Amino acid sequence: MRRAVISLLLATLVMPAWAGAQREEDLSHTVASALRRSVGDVNAPRLVFDNPREGQAWLAEMSRRLEKRIPDAWARERLLTAIHYEATRAGLDPQMVLGLIQVESGFKKYAVSSADARGLMQVMPFWTRSIGTPEHNLFDLTTNLRYGCAILRHYIDREKGNLFLALGRYNGSRGRSEYPNMVLGAWQQQWHWTPPRALQQAALH
């Protein structure tokens, strides 16, 4: 059992799990309208923390963990700020989204899968037709994150809060365990973070 878990984690670290057989779906008018508003609502990314010191601690720690993949400090902080903003705006845990990006693209902005999924969160092009516009560039950092987070939020709602099933749906492999386990493993092993105790105590005063 332990050997299997280690093998799974090693696979998560070195191999991106490209998008599976995700298919375009018929969306209700209400759902499509909500998703269009979400991807069309463009704002400048920012860290969303009640305590600015906690935000800076998060950014510094996540930047340290991402340094081997993205050596440029400015690029790392820009990406992390956008991830935190778009994930929080969609009601997602930013560290979970970091795990998903690690598995999906290995943090490669211009990644393209065999199924033609694109960018950091491996968004399928049909989504620009379903909920966006042809001008939306899925290789653009913030556009890709905005789409990916909105789509995952949609799937979580559709699965009544079941993240495991929602992740499978996001990858086009609903009902199979490999992809959700990889994302959850990356999240917990590489990106899990809690504020330092000193910051937690300061927030109480």
N, C-alpha and C. Protein backbone atom coordinates (compact mmCIF):
# COMPACT_ATOMS: atom_id res chain seq x y z
N MET A 1 0.83 -1.20 0.00
CA MET A 1 0.00 0.00 0.00
C MET A 1 0.87 1.26 0.00
N ARG A 2 1.89 1.25 0.91
CA ARG A 2 2.78 2.41 0.99
C ARG A 2 3.52 2.60 -0.32
N ARG A 3 3.98 1.50 -0.93
CA ARG A 3 4.69 1.60 -2.20
C ARG A 3 3.80 2.17 -3.29
N ALA A 4 2.53 1.80 -3.28
CA ALA A 4 1.59 2.31 -4.29
C ALA A 4 1.38 3.80 -4.13
N VAL A 5 1.28 4.26 -2.87
CA VAL A 5 1.09 5.68 -2.62
C VAL A 5 2.30 6.47 -3.08
N ILE A 6 3.52 5.95 -2.79
CA ILE A 6 4.75 6.63 -3.20
C ILE A 6 4.82 6.71 -4.72
N SER A 7 4.47 5.62 -5.39
CA SER A 7 4.49 5.60 -6.86
C SER A 7 3.52 6.63 -7.43
N LEU A 8 2.35 6.74 -6.81
CA LEU A 8 1.36 7.71 -7.26
C LEU A 8 1.88 9.12 -7.11
N LEU A 9 2.52 9.41 -5.98
CA LEU A 9 3.04 10.75 -5.74
C LEU A 9 4.18 11.07 -6.70
N LEU A 10 5.04 10.10 -6.98
CA LEU A 10 6.12 10.34 -7.93
C LEU A 10 5.57 10.61 -9.33
N ALA A 11 4.53 9.90 -9.69
CA ALA A 11 3.90 10.15 -10.99
C ALA A 11 3.33 11.55 -11.05
N THR A 12 2.75 12.00 -9.94
CA THR A 12 2.19 13.35 -9.88
C THR A 12 3.27 14.39 -10.08
N LEU A 13 4.47 14.13 -9.52
CA LEU A 13 5.54 15.11 -9.58
C LEU A 13 6.16 15.22 -10.97
N VAL A 14 6.22 14.13 -11.72
CA VAL A 14 6.99 14.16 -12.95
C VAL A 14 6.15 14.09 -14.22
N MET A 15 4.89 13.72 -14.14
CA MET A 15 4.10 13.55 -15.35
C MET A 15 2.78 14.31 -15.29
N PRO A 16 2.56 15.21 -16.27
CA PRO A 16 1.26 15.85 -16.31
C PRO A 16 0.20 14.87 -16.80
N ALA A 17 -0.99 14.89 -16.21
CA ALA A 17 -2.09 14.03 -16.65
C ALA A 17 -2.93 14.84 -17.62
N TRP A 18 -2.69 14.66 -18.89
CA TRP A 18 -3.36 15.47 -19.89
C TRP A 18 -4.87 15.25 -19.84
N ALA A 19 -5.60 16.24 -20.34
CA ALA A 19 -7.06 16.19 -20.29
C ALA A 19 -7.58 14.94 -20.99
N GLY A 20 -8.60 14.35 -20.41
CA GLY A 20 -9.17 13.13 -20.96
C GLY A 20 -10.26 13.42 -21.98
N ALA A 21 -11.28 12.58 -21.94
CA ALA A 21 -12.32 12.63 -22.98
C ALA A 21 -13.45 13.58 -22.60
N GLN A 22 -13.11 14.74 -22.09
CA GLN A 22 -14.14 15.71 -21.73
C GLN A 22 -14.91 16.13 -22.98
N ARG A 23 -16.23 16.15 -22.87
CA ARG A 23 -17.07 16.47 -24.03
C ARG A 23 -17.89 17.71 -23.77
N GLU A 24 -18.20 18.39 -24.86
CA GLU A 24 -19.06 19.56 -24.75
C GLU A 24 -20.44 19.12 -24.31
N GLU A 25 -21.03 19.87 -23.39
CA GLU A 25 -22.33 19.50 -22.87
C GLU A 25 -23.35 20.60 -23.14
N ASP A 26 -24.61 20.21 -23.16
CA ASP A 26 -25.68 21.19 -23.28
C ASP A 26 -25.90 21.83 -21.91
N LEU A 27 -25.73 23.14 -21.85
CA LEU A 27 -25.91 23.86 -20.60
C LEU A 27 -27.27 24.53 -20.59
N SER A 28 -27.91 24.54 -19.43
CA SER A 28 -29.16 25.27 -19.31
C SER A 28 -28.88 26.76 -19.50
N HIS A 29 -29.91 27.50 -19.85
CA HIS A 29 -29.74 28.94 -20.06
C HIS A 29 -29.21 29.60 -18.80
N THR A 30 -29.71 29.20 -17.65
CA THR A 30 -29.29 29.81 -16.39
C THR A 30 -27.82 29.54 -16.10
N VAL A 31 -27.41 28.28 -16.28
CA VAL A 31 -26.01 27.91 -16.02
C VAL A 31 -25.08 28.60 -17.01
N ALA A 32 -25.46 28.57 -18.30
CA ALA A 32 -24.62 29.20 -19.32
C ALA A 32 -24.46 30.70 -19.06
N SER A 33 -25.55 31.35 -18.66
CA SER A 33 -25.49 32.79 -18.39
C SER A 33 -24.58 33.08 -17.20
N ALA A 34 -24.68 32.25 -16.16
CA ALA A 34 -23.83 32.45 -14.98
C ALA A 34 -22.36 32.25 -15.33
N LEU A 35 -22.05 31.24 -16.13
CA LEU A 35 -20.67 31.00 -16.52
C LEU A 35 -20.15 32.11 -17.43
N ARG A 36 -21.00 32.61 -18.31
CA ARG A 36 -20.58 33.72 -19.17
C ARG A 36 -20.24 34.95 -18.34
N ARG A 37 -21.05 35.22 -17.34
CA ARG A 37 -20.76 36.37 -16.46
C ARG A 37 -19.44 36.15 -15.73
N SER A 38 -19.21 34.92 -15.30
CA SER A 38 -18.00 34.64 -14.54
C SER A 38 -16.75 34.82 -15.39
N VAL A 39 -16.74 34.28 -16.61
CA VAL A 39 -15.52 34.38 -17.43
C VAL A 39 -15.39 35.76 -18.07
N GLY A 40 -16.50 36.49 -18.13
CA GLY A 40 -16.44 37.82 -18.72
C GLY A 40 -16.14 38.92 -17.73
N ASP A 41 -16.16 38.59 -16.45
CA ASP A 41 -15.92 39.58 -15.39
C ASP A 41 -14.42 39.69 -15.15
N VAL A 42 -13.78 40.61 -15.86
CA VAL A 42 -12.33 40.73 -15.81
C VAL A 42 -11.93 41.79 -14.79
N ASN A 43 -11.14 41.38 -13.82
CA ASN A 43 -10.60 42.30 -12.83
C ASN A 43 -9.11 42.03 -12.66
N ALA A 44 -8.38 43.03 -12.20
CA ALA A 44 -6.96 42.85 -11.96
C ALA A 44 -6.75 41.87 -10.81
N PRO A 45 -5.98 40.80 -11.01
CA PRO A 45 -5.76 39.82 -9.93
C PRO A 45 -5.10 40.47 -8.72
N ARG A 46 -5.48 39.98 -7.55
CA ARG A 46 -4.88 40.45 -6.30
C ARG A 46 -5.04 39.35 -5.26
N LEU A 47 -4.19 39.38 -4.25
CA LEU A 47 -4.34 38.42 -3.16
C LEU A 47 -5.58 38.78 -2.34
N VAL A 48 -6.36 37.76 -1.99
CA VAL A 48 -7.61 37.99 -1.26
C VAL A 48 -7.45 37.42 0.15
N PHE A 49 -6.89 38.24 1.03
CA PHE A 49 -6.69 37.85 2.42
C PHE A 49 -7.21 38.97 3.32
N ASP A 50 -7.86 38.59 4.42
CA ASP A 50 -8.27 39.60 5.40
C ASP A 50 -7.07 40.24 6.07
N ASN A 51 -6.02 39.43 6.27
CA ASN A 51 -4.80 39.90 6.91
C ASN A 51 -3.70 39.99 5.85
N PRO A 52 -3.27 41.20 5.46
CA PRO A 52 -2.23 41.34 4.44
C PRO A 52 -0.94 40.60 4.76
N ARG A 53 -0.59 40.51 6.05
CA ARG A 53 0.63 39.78 6.42
C ARG A 53 0.50 38.30 6.10
N GLU A 54 -0.70 37.77 6.29
CA GLU A 54 -0.94 36.37 5.94
C GLU A 54 -0.81 36.17 4.44
N GLY A 55 -1.30 37.14 3.69
CA GLY A 55 -1.18 37.06 2.24
C GLY A 55 0.27 37.06 1.79
N GLN A 56 1.08 37.89 2.37
CA GLN A 56 2.49 37.93 2.00
C GLN A 56 3.21 36.65 2.41
N ALA A 57 2.83 36.09 3.57
CA ALA A 57 3.43 34.82 4.01
C ALA A 57 3.06 33.70 3.04
N TRP A 58 1.79 33.67 2.61
CA TRP A 58 1.35 32.67 1.64
C TRP A 58 2.12 32.81 0.34
N LEU A 59 2.23 34.04 -0.16
CA LEU A 59 2.90 34.28 -1.43
C LEU A 59 4.38 33.86 -1.35
N ALA A 60 5.03 34.20 -0.26
CA ALA A 60 6.44 33.85 -0.10
C ALA A 60 6.65 32.34 -0.06
N GLU A 61 5.78 31.64 0.67
CA GLU A 61 5.93 30.19 0.79
C GLU A 61 5.60 29.48 -0.52
N MET A 62 4.51 29.87 -1.18
CA MET A 62 4.16 29.24 -2.45
C MET A 62 5.22 29.55 -3.51
N SER A 63 5.78 30.75 -3.48
CA SER A 63 6.83 31.12 -4.42
C SER A 63 8.06 30.26 -4.22
N ARG A 64 8.40 29.99 -2.98
CA ARG A 64 9.54 29.13 -2.68
C ARG A 64 9.32 27.72 -3.25
N ARG A 65 8.11 27.20 -3.10
CA ARG A 65 7.81 25.85 -3.57
C ARG A 65 7.79 25.76 -5.10
N LEU A 66 7.47 26.87 -5.75
CA LEU A 66 7.33 26.89 -7.21
C LEU A 66 8.62 27.27 -7.92
N GLU A 67 9.64 27.63 -7.16
CA GLU A 67 10.85 28.21 -7.74
C GLU A 67 11.53 27.30 -8.76
N LYS A 68 11.58 26.00 -8.50
CA LYS A 68 12.25 25.10 -9.43
C LYS A 68 11.53 25.03 -10.77
N ARG A 69 10.24 25.19 -10.75
CA ARG A 69 9.47 25.13 -12.00
C ARG A 69 9.46 26.45 -12.74
N ILE A 70 9.43 27.55 -11.98
CA ILE A 70 9.40 28.89 -12.59
C ILE A 70 10.47 29.73 -11.90
N PRO A 71 11.68 29.78 -12.46
CA PRO A 71 12.80 30.46 -11.79
C PRO A 71 12.61 31.96 -11.62
N ASP A 72 11.90 32.61 -12.53
CA ASP A 72 11.75 34.07 -12.47
C ASP A 72 10.79 34.46 -11.35
N ALA A 73 11.27 35.25 -10.39
CA ALA A 73 10.46 35.61 -9.22
C ALA A 73 9.23 36.42 -9.60
N TRP A 74 9.38 37.37 -10.53
CA TRP A 74 8.24 38.20 -10.93
C TRP A 74 7.15 37.34 -11.57
N ALA A 75 7.55 36.40 -12.45
CA ALA A 75 6.57 35.53 -13.11
C ALA A 75 5.87 34.63 -12.09
N ARG A 76 6.62 34.11 -11.11
CA ARG A 76 6.01 33.27 -10.08
C ARG A 76 4.97 34.04 -9.29
N GLU A 77 5.32 35.23 -8.83
CA GLU A 77 4.39 35.99 -8.00
C GLU A 77 3.17 36.44 -8.80
N ARG A 78 3.36 36.78 -10.06
CA ARG A 78 2.23 37.14 -10.91
C ARG A 78 1.27 35.96 -11.06
N LEU A 79 1.83 34.78 -11.32
CA LEU A 79 1.01 33.58 -11.48
C LEU A 79 0.29 33.24 -10.19
N LEU A 80 1.01 33.23 -9.08
CA LEU A 80 0.40 32.87 -7.80
C LEU A 80 -0.68 33.84 -7.39
N THR A 81 -0.46 35.13 -7.64
CA THR A 81 -1.49 36.13 -7.33
C THR A 81 -2.75 35.87 -8.14
N ALA A 82 -2.58 35.56 -9.43
CA ALA A 82 -3.73 35.29 -10.29
C ALA A 82 -4.45 34.01 -9.86
N ILE A 83 -3.69 32.98 -9.51
CA ILE A 83 -4.30 31.74 -9.05
C ILE A 83 -5.12 31.99 -7.78
N HIS A 84 -4.53 32.71 -6.83
CA HIS A 84 -5.25 32.96 -5.58
C HIS A 84 -6.53 33.75 -5.83
N TYR A 85 -6.45 34.75 -6.69
CA TYR A 85 -7.62 35.58 -6.95
C TYR A 85 -8.72 34.79 -7.65
N GLU A 86 -8.38 34.11 -8.74
CA GLU A 86 -9.41 33.41 -9.51
C GLU A 86 -9.99 32.23 -8.73
N ALA A 87 -9.15 31.51 -7.99
CA ALA A 87 -9.66 30.40 -7.19
C ALA A 87 -10.60 30.90 -6.10
N THR A 88 -10.18 31.94 -5.39
CA THR A 88 -11.01 32.48 -4.31
C THR A 88 -12.32 33.02 -4.86
N ARG A 89 -12.25 33.68 -5.98
CA ARG A 89 -13.46 34.25 -6.60
C ARG A 89 -14.46 33.15 -6.97
N ALA A 90 -13.94 31.97 -7.33
CA ALA A 90 -14.81 30.85 -7.69
C ALA A 90 -15.18 29.98 -6.50
N GLY A 91 -14.72 30.35 -5.30
CA GLY A 91 -15.02 29.55 -4.11
C GLY A 91 -14.21 28.27 -4.02
N LEU A 92 -13.00 28.29 -4.57
CA LEU A 92 -12.12 27.13 -4.55
C LEU A 92 -10.92 27.39 -3.65
N ASP A 93 -10.33 26.32 -3.14
CA ASP A 93 -9.11 26.44 -2.36
C ASP A 93 -7.94 26.67 -3.33
N PRO A 94 -7.22 27.79 -3.20
CA PRO A 94 -6.11 28.06 -4.13
C PRO A 94 -5.06 26.97 -4.14
N GLN A 95 -4.82 26.34 -2.97
CA GLN A 95 -3.82 25.27 -2.94
C GLN A 95 -4.29 24.05 -3.73
N MET A 96 -5.59 23.78 -3.72
CA MET A 96 -6.12 22.69 -4.53
C MET A 96 -5.94 23.00 -6.01
N VAL A 97 -6.17 24.25 -6.39
CA VAL A 97 -5.99 24.65 -7.79
C VAL A 97 -4.53 24.51 -8.20
N LEU A 98 -3.61 24.83 -7.30
CA LEU A 98 -2.19 24.62 -7.58
C LEU A 98 -1.91 23.14 -7.85
N GLY A 99 -2.51 22.27 -7.07
CA GLY A 99 -2.35 20.84 -7.29
C GLY A 99 -2.90 20.41 -8.64
N LEU A 100 -4.05 20.95 -9.02
CA LEU A 100 -4.65 20.62 -10.31
C LEU A 100 -3.75 21.08 -11.45
N ILE A 101 -3.21 22.29 -11.34
CA ILE A 101 -2.34 22.81 -12.40
C ILE A 101 -1.07 21.97 -12.50
N GLN A 102 -0.52 21.55 -11.36
CA GLN A 102 0.67 20.70 -11.39
C GLN A 102 0.40 19.43 -12.17
N VAL A 103 -0.76 18.82 -11.93
CA VAL A 103 -1.10 17.56 -12.60
C VAL A 103 -1.45 17.80 -14.06
N GLU A 104 -2.22 18.84 -14.33
CA GLU A 104 -2.72 19.06 -15.70
C GLU A 104 -1.63 19.52 -16.66
N SER A 105 -0.81 20.48 -16.27
CA SER A 105 0.12 21.09 -17.22
C SER A 105 1.55 21.18 -16.73
N GLY A 106 1.80 20.83 -15.47
CA GLY A 106 3.13 21.03 -14.92
C GLY A 106 3.55 22.49 -14.91
N PHE A 107 2.55 23.39 -14.82
CA PHE A 107 2.75 24.84 -14.80
C PHE A 107 3.31 25.37 -16.12
N LYS A 108 3.02 24.68 -17.21
CA LYS A 108 3.44 25.13 -18.54
C LYS A 108 2.29 25.91 -19.18
N LYS A 109 2.51 27.20 -19.36
CA LYS A 109 1.48 28.11 -19.84
C LYS A 109 0.96 27.74 -21.23
N TYR A 110 1.83 27.20 -22.07
CA TYR A 110 1.44 26.91 -23.46
C TYR A 110 1.25 25.41 -23.70
N ALA A 111 0.99 24.66 -22.65
CA ALA A 111 0.77 23.22 -22.80
C ALA A 111 -0.48 22.94 -23.64
N VAL A 112 -0.38 21.93 -24.50
CA VAL A 112 -1.52 21.49 -25.32
C VAL A 112 -1.58 19.97 -25.22
N SER A 113 -2.76 19.44 -24.89
CA SER A 113 -2.91 18.00 -24.74
C SER A 113 -3.26 17.34 -26.06
N SER A 114 -3.24 16.02 -26.06
CA SER A 114 -3.63 15.27 -27.27
C SER A 114 -5.09 15.51 -27.62
N ALA A 115 -5.88 15.95 -26.62
CA ALA A 115 -7.30 16.25 -26.86
C ALA A 115 -7.50 17.73 -27.20
N ASP A 116 -6.38 18.49 -27.33
CA ASP A 116 -6.39 19.92 -27.66
C ASP A 116 -6.79 20.80 -26.49
N ALA A 117 -6.75 20.28 -25.26
CA ALA A 117 -6.94 21.14 -24.09
C ALA A 117 -5.72 22.04 -23.96
N ARG A 118 -5.95 23.26 -23.45
CA ARG A 118 -4.91 24.28 -23.55
C ARG A 118 -4.58 24.97 -22.24
N GLY A 119 -3.31 25.31 -22.11
CA GLY A 119 -2.87 26.19 -21.04
C GLY A 119 -2.71 25.54 -19.70
N LEU A 120 -2.54 26.38 -18.69
CA LEU A 120 -2.24 25.94 -17.33
C LEU A 120 -3.25 24.94 -16.79
N MET A 121 -4.55 25.24 -16.96
CA MET A 121 -5.60 24.38 -16.42
C MET A 121 -6.21 23.48 -17.49
N GLN A 122 -5.55 23.41 -18.67
CA GLN A 122 -5.96 22.51 -19.73
C GLN A 122 -7.45 22.63 -20.04
N VAL A 123 -7.82 23.82 -20.48
CA VAL A 123 -9.22 24.12 -20.81
C VAL A 123 -9.49 23.73 -22.26
N MET A 124 -10.59 23.02 -22.48
CA MET A 124 -10.96 22.62 -23.83
C MET A 124 -11.47 23.83 -24.62
N PRO A 125 -11.08 23.96 -25.90
CA PRO A 125 -11.47 25.12 -26.69
C PRO A 125 -12.97 25.31 -26.85
N PHE A 126 -13.76 24.23 -26.76
CA PHE A 126 -15.20 24.40 -26.96
C PHE A 126 -15.82 25.32 -25.91
N TRP A 127 -15.13 25.50 -24.76
CA TRP A 127 -15.69 26.36 -23.73
C TRP A 127 -15.76 27.82 -24.17
N THR A 128 -14.86 28.25 -25.04
CA THR A 128 -14.95 29.65 -25.50
C THR A 128 -16.20 29.85 -26.34
N ARG A 129 -16.61 28.80 -27.03
CA ARG A 129 -17.85 28.86 -27.82
C ARG A 129 -19.08 28.76 -26.91
N SER A 130 -18.99 27.94 -25.87
CA SER A 130 -20.15 27.70 -25.01
C SER A 130 -20.44 28.86 -24.07
N ILE A 131 -19.37 29.44 -23.50
CA ILE A 131 -19.59 30.44 -22.45
C ILE A 131 -18.76 31.70 -22.63
N GLY A 132 -17.98 31.76 -23.70
CA GLY A 132 -17.12 32.94 -23.88
C GLY A 132 -17.28 33.55 -25.26
N THR A 133 -16.15 34.02 -25.79
CA THR A 133 -16.13 34.60 -27.13
C THR A 133 -14.91 34.09 -27.86
N PRO A 134 -14.91 34.14 -29.21
CA PRO A 134 -13.75 33.67 -29.97
C PRO A 134 -12.48 34.45 -29.66
N GLU A 135 -12.63 35.66 -29.11
CA GLU A 135 -11.46 36.48 -28.80
C GLU A 135 -10.74 36.02 -27.53
N HIS A 136 -11.38 35.20 -26.73
CA HIS A 136 -10.75 34.74 -25.50
C HIS A 136 -9.60 33.78 -25.83
N ASN A 137 -8.41 34.13 -25.37
CA ASN A 137 -7.20 33.35 -25.64
C ASN A 137 -6.91 32.45 -24.45
N LEU A 138 -7.05 31.15 -24.64
CA LEU A 138 -6.87 30.20 -23.54
C LEU A 138 -5.41 30.02 -23.14
N PHE A 139 -4.49 30.61 -23.90
CA PHE A 139 -3.09 30.60 -23.49
C PHE A 139 -2.74 31.83 -22.64
N ASP A 140 -3.67 32.77 -22.57
CA ASP A 140 -3.46 33.91 -21.68
C ASP A 140 -3.62 33.44 -20.24
N LEU A 141 -2.69 33.83 -19.39
CA LEU A 141 -2.64 33.31 -18.02
C LEU A 141 -3.94 33.53 -17.27
N THR A 142 -4.40 34.77 -17.19
CA THR A 142 -5.58 35.05 -16.38
C THR A 142 -6.85 34.50 -17.03
N THR A 143 -6.92 34.53 -18.35
CA THR A 143 -8.10 33.98 -19.03
C THR A 143 -8.21 32.48 -18.76
N ASN A 144 -7.10 31.77 -18.88
CA ASN A 144 -7.11 30.34 -18.65
C ASN A 144 -7.52 30.00 -17.22
N LEU A 145 -6.97 30.74 -16.25
CA LEU A 145 -7.32 30.49 -14.85
C LEU A 145 -8.78 30.81 -14.58
N ARG A 146 -9.28 31.89 -15.18
CA ARG A 146 -10.66 32.28 -14.96
C ARG A 146 -11.61 31.21 -15.51
N TYR A 147 -11.33 30.72 -16.72
CA TYR A 147 -12.14 29.65 -17.30
C TYR A 147 -12.04 28.38 -16.44
N GLY A 148 -10.80 27.96 -16.15
CA GLY A 148 -10.62 26.70 -15.43
C GLY A 148 -11.31 26.69 -14.08
N CYS A 149 -11.17 27.79 -13.33
CA CYS A 149 -11.80 27.84 -12.01
C CYS A 149 -13.32 27.89 -12.12
N ALA A 150 -13.84 28.63 -13.10
CA ALA A 150 -15.29 28.70 -13.29
C ALA A 150 -15.86 27.34 -13.68
N ILE A 151 -15.16 26.63 -14.55
CA ILE A 151 -15.62 25.31 -14.99
C ILE A 151 -15.60 24.31 -13.84
N LEU A 152 -14.52 24.31 -13.06
CA LEU A 152 -14.45 23.39 -11.92
C LEU A 152 -15.53 23.71 -10.89
N ARG A 153 -15.77 24.99 -10.65
CA ARG A 153 -16.85 25.36 -9.73
C ARG A 153 -18.19 24.85 -10.24
N HIS A 154 -18.41 24.96 -11.53
CA HIS A 154 -19.65 24.44 -12.14
C HIS A 154 -19.78 22.94 -11.90
N TYR A 155 -18.69 22.20 -12.08
CA TYR A 155 -18.74 20.76 -11.88
C TYR A 155 -18.95 20.39 -10.41
N ILE A 156 -18.34 21.15 -9.50
CA ILE A 156 -18.57 20.89 -8.08
C ILE A 156 -20.04 21.10 -7.73
N ASP A 157 -20.61 22.17 -8.24
CA ASP A 157 -22.04 22.42 -8.00
C ASP A 157 -22.90 21.31 -8.61
N ARG A 158 -22.52 20.88 -9.79
CA ARG A 158 -23.29 19.83 -10.47
C ARG A 158 -23.20 18.51 -9.71
N GLU A 159 -22.06 18.27 -9.07
CA GLU A 159 -21.87 17.04 -8.30
C GLU A 159 -22.25 17.23 -6.83
N LYS A 160 -22.98 18.32 -6.55
CA LYS A 160 -23.49 18.58 -5.20
C LYS A 160 -22.38 18.60 -4.14
N GLY A 161 -21.27 19.25 -4.50
CA GLY A 161 -20.17 19.43 -3.56
C GLY A 161 -19.15 18.31 -3.51
N ASN A 162 -19.33 17.27 -4.31
CA ASN A 162 -18.41 16.14 -4.29
C ASN A 162 -17.19 16.48 -5.16
N LEU A 163 -16.08 16.86 -4.50
CA LEU A 163 -14.89 17.28 -5.23
C LEU A 163 -14.29 16.14 -6.04
N PHE A 164 -14.31 14.94 -5.50
CA PHE A 164 -13.74 13.78 -6.19
C PHE A 164 -14.41 13.58 -7.55
N LEU A 165 -15.74 13.58 -7.57
CA LEU A 165 -16.47 13.40 -8.82
C LEU A 165 -16.31 14.59 -9.75
N ALA A 166 -16.26 15.79 -9.16
CA ALA A 166 -16.09 17.00 -9.96
C ALA A 166 -14.74 17.02 -10.67
N LEU A 167 -13.69 16.58 -9.97
CA LEU A 167 -12.37 16.51 -10.60
C LEU A 167 -12.36 15.51 -11.74
N GLY A 168 -13.02 14.37 -11.54
CA GLY A 168 -13.11 13.39 -12.62
C GLY A 168 -13.84 13.96 -13.82
N ARG A 169 -14.91 14.70 -13.58
CA ARG A 169 -15.65 15.32 -14.67
C ARG A 169 -14.79 16.37 -15.38
N TYR A 170 -14.03 17.12 -14.60
CA TYR A 170 -13.16 18.15 -15.18
C TYR A 170 -12.15 17.52 -16.15
N ASN A 171 -11.65 16.37 -15.81
CA ASN A 171 -10.66 15.66 -16.62
C ASN A 171 -11.29 14.79 -17.70
N GLY A 172 -12.59 14.63 -17.66
CA GLY A 172 -13.24 13.74 -18.62
C GLY A 172 -13.12 12.28 -18.24
N SER A 173 -12.92 12.02 -16.94
CA SER A 173 -12.76 10.62 -16.49
C SER A 173 -13.61 10.35 -15.26
N ARG A 174 -14.83 10.91 -15.24
CA ARG A 174 -15.70 10.76 -14.08
C ARG A 174 -15.92 9.28 -13.75
N GLY A 175 -15.80 8.96 -12.45
CA GLY A 175 -16.00 7.59 -12.01
C GLY A 175 -14.71 6.81 -11.87
N ARG A 176 -13.60 7.35 -12.41
CA ARG A 176 -12.30 6.71 -12.27
C ARG A 176 -11.50 7.47 -11.21
N SER A 177 -10.63 6.76 -10.53
CA SER A 177 -9.95 7.35 -9.37
C SER A 177 -8.59 7.95 -9.67
N GLU A 178 -7.98 7.60 -10.80
CA GLU A 178 -6.58 7.99 -11.03
C GLU A 178 -6.39 9.50 -10.99
N TYR A 179 -7.17 10.22 -11.78
CA TYR A 179 -6.96 11.66 -11.87
C TYR A 179 -7.31 12.39 -10.57
N PRO A 180 -8.48 12.18 -9.98
CA PRO A 180 -8.76 12.85 -8.70
C PRO A 180 -7.70 12.56 -7.65
N ASN A 181 -7.24 11.31 -7.58
CA ASN A 181 -6.22 10.97 -6.59
C ASN A 181 -4.92 11.71 -6.84
N MET A 182 -4.57 11.91 -8.08
CA MET A 182 -3.35 12.65 -8.41
C MET A 182 -3.46 14.11 -7.98
N VAL A 183 -4.60 14.72 -8.27
CA VAL A 183 -4.79 16.12 -7.89
C VAL A 183 -4.81 16.27 -6.38
N LEU A 184 -5.57 15.41 -5.71
CA LEU A 184 -5.65 15.49 -4.25
C LEU A 184 -4.30 15.19 -3.61
N GLY A 185 -3.54 14.27 -4.20
CA GLY A 185 -2.21 13.98 -3.69
C GLY A 185 -1.26 15.15 -3.85
N ALA A 186 -1.29 15.79 -5.02
CA ALA A 186 -0.43 16.96 -5.24
C ALA A 186 -0.81 18.09 -4.29
N TRP A 187 -2.10 18.30 -4.10
CA TRP A 187 -2.59 19.33 -3.18
C TRP A 187 -2.06 19.11 -1.77
N GLN A 188 -2.23 17.90 -1.26
CA GLN A 188 -1.87 17.63 0.12
C GLN A 188 -0.35 17.51 0.33
N GLN A 189 0.34 16.96 -0.64
CA GLN A 189 1.77 16.71 -0.47
C GLN A 189 2.65 17.89 -0.88
N GLN A 190 2.19 18.68 -1.84
CA GLN A 190 3.03 19.75 -2.36
C GLN A 190 2.55 21.16 -2.00
N TRP A 191 1.24 21.35 -1.85
CA TRP A 191 0.72 22.71 -1.76
C TRP A 191 -0.10 23.01 -0.51
N HIS A 192 -0.30 22.02 0.34
CA HIS A 192 -1.05 22.29 1.57
C HIS A 192 -0.31 23.35 2.39
N TRP A 193 -1.08 24.29 2.98
CA TRP A 193 -0.46 25.37 3.75
C TRP A 193 -1.44 25.88 4.79
N THR A 194 -0.92 26.11 5.98
CA THR A 194 -1.69 26.79 7.02
C THR A 194 -0.88 27.97 7.50
N PRO A 195 -1.51 29.06 7.89
CA PRO A 195 -0.77 30.25 8.33
C PRO A 195 0.09 29.93 9.55
N PRO A 196 1.27 30.52 9.66
CA PRO A 196 2.08 30.35 10.88
C PRO A 196 1.29 30.75 12.11
N ARG A 197 1.57 30.09 13.23
CA ARG A 197 0.81 30.33 14.46
C ARG A 197 0.81 31.80 14.86
N ALA A 198 1.95 32.47 14.65
CA ALA A 198 2.04 33.88 15.03
C ALA A 198 1.02 34.73 14.28
N LEU A 199 0.81 34.40 13.00
CA LEU A 199 -0.18 35.14 12.21
C LEU A 199 -1.59 34.80 12.65
N GLN A 200 -1.82 33.54 12.98
CA GLN A 200 -3.14 33.15 13.46
C GLN A 200 -3.47 33.87 14.76
N GLN A 201 -2.51 33.95 15.67
CA GLN A 201 -2.74 34.64 16.96
C GLN A 201 -2.93 36.13 16.74
N ALA A 202 -2.17 36.71 15.79
CA ALA A 202 -2.31 38.15 15.54
C ALA A 202 -3.69 38.47 14.99
N ALA A 203 -4.26 37.54 14.21
CA ALA A 203 -5.58 37.77 13.63
C ALA A 203 -6.68 37.78 14.69
N LEU A 204 -6.40 37.15 15.84
CA LEU A 204 -7.40 37.10 16.91
C LEU A 204 -7.40 38.36 17.77
N HIS A 205 -6.41 39.21 17.63
CA HIS A 205 -6.29 40.41 18.46
C HIS A 205 -6.59 41.67 17.65
